[in-house]
Amino acid sequence: GGPGAGGAGACPSCQATSANAMPRINNTGGAAPSSLSSHRQTSTIPIGPTDLPNHQEKGDANWKYPSPQMFYNAMKRKGWQPKEEDMDVVVAIHNTVNERCWHHIMSWEEMHK
């Protein structure tokens, strides 16, 4: 399914933090039991000087990818109709694309020192 219309009232359970206006990211199944993993893989991408979103741990050297549960929750929140059984593959593709992009960025920067 496609994304919903969004808007101010689209996610009444999402509460923005005052630091960055980002909703708190849920890494649980919420009210419904879920078989999805809440394990997050650490990327090879370093965290630079930035205001961290609330789903990243202060003090970590590298970004952490969303867990299958977090990815599922984000898709639901955005109006998609994800299937739990697809989330492990979706997250693996997401993480692989990010890692390959980072590798290309680093290669380009090495060539242009």
C-alpha atoms as a PDB file:
ATOM      1  CA  GLY A   1       0.000   0.000   0.000  1.00  0.00           C
ATOM      2  CA  GLY A   2       1.018   3.594  -0.498  1.00  0.00           C
ATOM      3  CA  PRO A   3       1.727   6.292   2.024  1.00  0.00           C
ATOM      4  CA  GLY A   4      -1.118   8.029   3.788  1.00  0.00           C
ATOM      5  CA  ALA A   5      -2.064  11.657   3.514  1.00  0.00           C
ATOM      6  CA  GLY A   6      -0.034  12.629   6.586  1.00  0.00           C
ATOM      7  CA  GLY A   7      -0.775  15.983   8.118  1.00  0.00           C
ATOM      8  CA  ALA A   8      -0.715  17.310  11.650  1.00  0.00           C
ATOM      9  CA  GLY A   9      -3.088  14.702  13.072  1.00  0.00           C
ATOM     10  CA  ALA A  10      -1.670  11.731  11.166  1.00  0.00           C
ATOM     11  CA  CYS A  11       0.155  10.271  14.163  1.00  0.00           C
ATOM     12  CA  PRO A  12      -1.544  11.177  17.436  1.00  0.00           C
ATOM     13  CA  SER A  13       0.715   8.807  19.419  1.00  0.00           C
ATOM     14  CA  CYS A  14       3.927  10.356  18.054  1.00  0.00           C
ATOM     15  CA  GLN A  15       5.360  12.985  20.343  1.00  0.00           C
ATOM     16  CA  ALA A  16       8.067  15.284  19.021  1.00  0.00           C
ATOM     17  CA  THR A  17      11.075  16.055  21.165  1.00  0.00           C
ATOM     18  CA  SER A  18      11.830  19.711  21.780  1.00  0.00           C
ATOM     19  CA  ALA A  19      15.429  19.284  20.571  1.00  0.00           C
ATOM     20  CA  ASN A  20      14.712  18.260  16.985  1.00  0.00           C
ATOM     21  CA  ALA A  21      10.926  17.985  16.468  1.00  0.00           C
ATOM     22  CA  MET A  22      11.331  14.259  15.696  1.00  0.00           C
ATOM     23  CA  PRO A  23       8.812  11.740  17.021  1.00  0.00           C
ATOM     24  CA  ARG A  24      10.037   9.246  19.596  1.00  0.00           C
ATOM     25  CA  ILE A  25      10.938   6.080  17.712  1.00  0.00           C
ATOM     26  CA  ASN A  26       9.269   2.936  19.024  1.00  0.00           C
ATOM     27  CA  ASN A  27      11.379  -0.254  18.986  1.00  0.00           C
ATOM     28  CA  THR A  28       8.599  -2.507  20.273  1.00  0.00           C
ATOM     29  CA  GLY A  29       5.487  -4.021  18.769  1.00  0.00           C
ATOM     30  CA  GLY A  30       3.293  -1.653  20.749  1.00  0.00           C
ATOM     31  CA  ALA A  31      -0.082  -3.012  21.792  1.00  0.00           C
ATOM     32  CA  ALA A  32       0.035  -5.938  19.342  1.00  0.00           C
ATOM     33  CA  PRO A  33       2.513  -8.758  19.935  1.00  0.00           C
ATOM     34  CA  SER A  34       5.210  -8.907  17.270  1.00  0.00           C
ATOM     35  CA  SER A  35       7.778 -11.465  16.186  1.00  0.00           C
ATOM     36  CA  LEU A  36      10.025  -8.764  14.719  1.00  0.00           C
ATOM     37  CA  SER A  37      13.531  -8.301  16.057  1.00  0.00           C
ATOM     38  CA  SER A  38      14.434  -5.134  17.944  1.00  0.00           C
ATOM     39  CA  HIS A  39      18.177  -5.736  17.316  1.00  0.00           C
ATOM     40  CA  ARG A  40      19.926  -2.823  15.605  1.00  0.00           C
ATOM     41  CA  GLN A  41      23.024  -3.267  13.450  1.00  0.00           C
ATOM     42  CA  THR A  42      25.835  -0.732  13.850  1.00  0.00           C
ATOM     43  CA  SER A  43      26.917   0.834  10.567  1.00  0.00           C
ATOM     44  CA  THR A  44      30.444   1.673   9.458  1.00  0.00           C
ATOM     45  CA  ILE A  45      29.336   5.295   9.008  1.00  0.00           C
ATOM     46  CA  PRO A  46      30.785   7.561  11.705  1.00  0.00           C
ATOM     47  CA  ILE A  47      28.611  10.068  13.510  1.00  0.00           C
ATOM     48  CA  GLY A  48      29.921  13.554  12.880  1.00  0.00           C
ATOM     49  CA  PRO A  49      29.209  16.655  14.921  1.00  0.00           C
ATOM     50  CA  THR A  50      25.416  16.870  14.815  1.00  0.00           C
ATOM     51  CA  ASP A  51      22.298  17.051  16.921  1.00  0.00           C
ATOM     52  CA  LEU A  52      21.469  13.369  17.146  1.00  0.00           C
ATOM     53  CA  PRO A  53      17.955  12.164  16.426  1.00  0.00           C
ATOM     54  CA  ASN A  54      16.428  10.550  19.501  1.00  0.00           C
ATOM     55  CA  HIS A  55      16.803   7.038  18.068  1.00  0.00           C
ATOM     56  CA  GLN A  56      20.624   7.249  18.155  1.00  0.00           C
ATOM     57  CA  GLU A  57      22.657   6.668  21.318  1.00  0.00           C
ATOM     58  CA  LYS A  58      24.760   9.538  22.627  1.00  0.00           C
ATOM     59  CA  GLY A  59      28.397   8.515  22.773  1.00  0.00           C
ATOM     60  CA  ASP A  60      28.203   6.024  19.896  1.00  0.00           C
ATOM     61  CA  ALA A  61      30.922   6.436  17.280  1.00  0.00           C
ATOM     62  CA  ASN A  62      28.821   5.112  14.371  1.00  0.00           C
ATOM     63  CA  TRP A  63      25.195   5.355  13.278  1.00  0.00           C
ATOM     64  CA  LYS A  64      22.885   2.464  14.118  1.00  0.00           C
ATOM     65  CA  TYR A  65      20.454   1.165  11.550  1.00  0.00           C
ATOM     66  CA  PRO A  66      16.804   0.676  12.464  1.00  0.00           C
ATOM     67  CA  SER A  67      15.733  -2.729  13.685  1.00  0.00           C
ATOM     68  CA  PRO A  68      13.129  -4.640  11.682  1.00  0.00           C
ATOM     69  CA  GLN A  69      10.602  -3.580  14.350  1.00  0.00           C
ATOM     70  CA  MET A  70      11.549   0.100  14.044  1.00  0.00           C
ATOM     71  CA  PHE A  71      11.399  -0.047  10.234  1.00  0.00           C
ATOM     72  CA  TYR A  72       7.973  -1.725  10.370  1.00  0.00           C
ATOM     73  CA  ASN A  73       6.684   0.863  12.855  1.00  0.00           C
ATOM     74  CA  ALA A  74       7.994   3.736  10.699  1.00  0.00           C
ATOM     75  CA  MET A  75       6.305   2.356   7.585  1.00  0.00           C
ATOM     76  CA  LYS A  76       3.002   1.949   9.457  1.00  0.00           C
ATOM     77  CA  ARG A  77       3.319   5.473  10.874  1.00  0.00           C
ATOM     78  CA  LYS A  78       3.811   6.828   7.339  1.00  0.00           C
ATOM     79  CA  GLY A  79       0.686   5.120   6.026  1.00  0.00           C
ATOM     80  CA  TRP A  80       2.234   2.071   4.323  1.00  0.00           C
ATOM     81  CA  GLN A  81       0.971  -1.492   4.887  1.00  0.00           C
ATOM     82  CA  PRO A  82       4.184  -3.476   5.476  1.00  0.00           C
ATOM     83  CA  LYS A  83       4.227  -7.221   6.083  1.00  0.00           C
ATOM     84  CA  GLU A  84       6.169  -8.422   9.115  1.00  0.00           C
ATOM     85  CA  GLU A  85       7.614 -11.334   7.151  1.00  0.00           C
ATOM     86  CA  ASP A  86       9.279  -8.889   4.703  1.00  0.00           C
ATOM     87  CA  MET A  87      11.044  -6.714   7.258  1.00  0.00           C
ATOM     88  CA  ASP A  88      14.296  -8.695   7.639  1.00  0.00           C
ATOM     89  CA  VAL A  89      14.893  -8.458   3.875  1.00  0.00           C
ATOM     90  CA  VAL A  90      13.790  -4.809   3.680  1.00  0.00           C
ATOM     91  CA  VAL A  91      16.187  -3.837   6.489  1.00  0.00           C
ATOM     92  CA  ALA A  92      19.035  -5.849   4.933  1.00  0.00           C
ATOM     93  CA  ILE A  93      18.535  -4.034   1.604  1.00  0.00           C
ATOM     94  CA  HIS A  94      18.334  -0.653   3.367  1.00  0.00           C
ATOM     95  CA  ASN A  95      21.550  -1.299   5.296  1.00  0.00           C
ATOM     96  CA  THR A  96      23.418  -2.658   2.260  1.00  0.00           C
ATOM     97  CA  VAL A  97      22.490   0.362   0.114  1.00  0.00           C
ATOM     98  CA  ASN A  98      23.679   2.726   2.864  1.00  0.00           C
ATOM     99  CA  GLU A  99      26.954   0.849   3.336  1.00  0.00           C
ATOM    100  CA  ARG A 100      27.664   0.763  -0.404  1.00  0.00           C
ATOM    101  CA  CYS A 101      26.911   4.480  -0.724  1.00  0.00           C
ATOM    102  CA  TRP A 102      29.262   5.226   2.175  1.00  0.00           C
ATOM    103  CA  HIS A 103      31.978   3.105   0.537  1.00  0.00           C
ATOM    104  CA  HIS A 104      31.578   5.086  -2.723  1.00  0.00           C
ATOM    105  CA  ILE A 105      31.740   8.392  -0.846  1.00  0.00           C
ATOM    106  CA  MET A 106      34.924   7.340   0.905  1.00  0.00           C
ATOM    107  CA  SER A 107      36.463   6.169  -2.398  1.00  0.00           C
ATOM    108  CA  TRP A 108      35.587   9.478  -4.067  1.00  0.00           C
ATOM    109  CA  GLU A 109      37.051  11.459  -1.180  1.00  0.00           C
ATOM    110  CA  GLU A 110      40.248   9.386  -1.323  1.00  0.00           C
ATOM    111  CA  MET A 111      40.625  10.182  -5.038  1.00  0.00           C
ATOM    112  CA  HIS A 112      40.141  13.912  -4.410  1.00  0.00           C
ATOM    113  CA  LYS A 113      42.501  14.505  -1.489  1.00  0.00           C
END
